[in-house]
Each structure stands twice: as structure tokens, then as C-alpha cells.
Amino acid sequence: MLYPFHLFQGANEQSNRKPTRGELIIGSEFLQQLIQLFEIKTIVAVGNTAQATLNFIGIASSKVRHPSYGGKTQFSKGIKAVSTG
């Protein structure tokens, strides 16, 4: 199953790519609405780009390693730490 907001390169749906500045700006509007709608209290940034975007729009977060490019183990440990801490 393909995640609806997963950014990929060309036709390769299994690849990853960094979002453009325009995509980040558009996405931040929806993110802020979701946080308010569901009264989300804990935000976890998955990777540096997510954390930088959240910082840019003034949303506090905990950061975990992005699982791509060999980061799966660190990602799992980070999620576990956030969920138990």
C-alpha cells in the first residue's frame, strides 16, 4: 500500500525524495488543521526535514531518525523511546 503523502522519484513508488519548499508550505497548512482538529498533543518529526519544517511553522516536536537509507533500527528505537517516555 502506498502512503498518500509519500514523495517518490519519477515512476518509482518505492523511492524517496525530499519535498519541495512549495510542498512543505502547502502541507504545513493541512498539518496545522489536523493538529487542531484532533487536538494532537505530541508531535514526532520523522527526520531532519520534518523537524526543520515543524520548527519553521512554530510546532514543537521530538525527532526520530527517518527509516530510509539504513535508518530502520534507529527509527524503531526512537519511536519506542518517544512512546514510552
Protein backbone atom coordinates (compact mmCIF):
# COMPACT_ATOMS: atom_id res chain seq x y z
CA MET A 1 0.00 0.00 0.00
CA LEU A 2 1.29 3.44 -0.90
CA TYR A 3 1.11 6.15 1.78
CA PRO A 4 -0.91 9.03 0.31
CA PHE A 5 1.70 11.69 1.10
CA HIS A 6 4.76 9.62 0.18
CA LEU A 7 7.02 11.53 -2.20
CA PHE A 8 8.85 9.41 -4.74
CA GLN A 9 11.13 9.91 -7.74
CA GLY A 10 9.62 9.57 -11.19
CA ALA A 11 7.50 6.42 -11.55
CA ASN A 12 9.38 4.51 -8.84
CA GLU A 13 6.87 4.43 -5.96
CA GLN A 14 9.42 2.62 -3.76
CA SER A 15 11.88 5.54 -3.85
CA ASN A 16 12.05 8.58 -1.59
CA ARG A 17 12.64 12.22 -2.35
CA LYS A 18 12.83 15.40 -0.34
CA PRO A 19 9.75 17.61 -0.62
CA THR A 20 9.99 20.92 -2.41
CA ARG A 21 9.58 24.18 -0.48
CA GLY A 22 6.16 24.64 -2.09
CA GLU A 23 5.06 21.16 -1.00
CA LEU A 24 6.22 21.91 2.55
CA ILE A 25 4.25 25.16 2.67
CA ILE A 26 1.08 23.53 1.36
CA GLY A 27 1.49 20.56 3.70
CA SER A 28 2.06 22.78 6.74
CA GLU A 29 -1.39 24.32 6.31
CA PHE A 30 -3.04 20.90 6.40
CA LEU A 31 -0.84 19.78 9.28
CA GLN A 32 -1.86 22.71 11.44
CA GLN A 33 -5.52 22.00 10.72
CA LEU A 34 -5.13 18.30 11.62
CA ILE A 35 -3.36 19.15 14.88
CA GLN A 36 -6.21 21.45 15.86
CA LEU A 37 -9.00 19.15 14.66
CA PHE A 38 -7.74 16.10 16.55
CA GLU A 39 -6.26 18.07 19.48
CA ILE A 40 -2.89 16.37 18.98
CA LYS A 41 -0.57 16.96 21.92
CA THR A 42 2.56 15.01 20.92
CA ILE A 43 4.26 15.57 17.58
CA VAL A 44 7.06 13.32 16.34
CA ALA A 45 9.18 14.56 13.45
CA VAL A 46 10.43 11.73 11.28
CA GLY A 47 13.81 13.01 10.09
CA ASN A 48 15.58 16.33 9.74
CA THR A 49 13.31 17.77 7.04
CA ALA A 50 10.21 17.15 9.14
CA GLN A 51 11.80 18.71 12.19
CA ALA A 52 13.01 21.75 10.25
CA THR A 53 9.53 22.25 8.77
CA LEU A 54 7.85 21.95 12.17
CA ASN A 55 10.34 24.42 13.65
CA PHE A 56 9.69 26.81 10.75
CA ILE A 57 5.94 26.84 11.43
CA GLY A 58 6.41 27.01 15.21
CA ILE A 59 5.37 23.49 16.21
CA ALA A 60 7.38 21.77 18.94
CA SER A 61 8.31 18.14 18.27
CA SER A 62 10.50 15.23 19.20
CA LYS A 63 12.72 13.99 16.37
CA VAL A 64 13.39 10.39 15.40
CA ARG A 65 15.68 9.11 12.64
CA HIS A 66 14.00 8.67 9.25
CA PRO A 67 13.88 4.95 8.41
CA SER A 68 15.13 5.34 4.84
CA TYR A 69 18.71 4.76 3.77
CA GLY A 70 19.56 2.32 6.55
CA GLY A 71 17.89 4.10 9.45
CA LYS A 72 15.24 1.50 10.27
CA THR A 73 16.80 0.31 13.55
CA GLN A 74 17.39 3.85 14.85
CA PHE A 75 13.86 4.81 13.78
CA SER A 76 12.34 1.90 15.72
CA LYS A 77 14.38 2.75 18.82
CA GLY A 78 13.38 6.41 18.55
CA ILE A 79 9.67 5.64 18.23
CA LYS A 80 9.86 3.29 21.19
CA ALA A 81 11.62 5.94 23.28
CA VAL A 82 9.04 8.59 22.41
CA SER A 83 6.11 6.27 23.12
CA THR A 84 7.42 5.12 26.49
CA GLY A 85 8.90 8.41 27.64
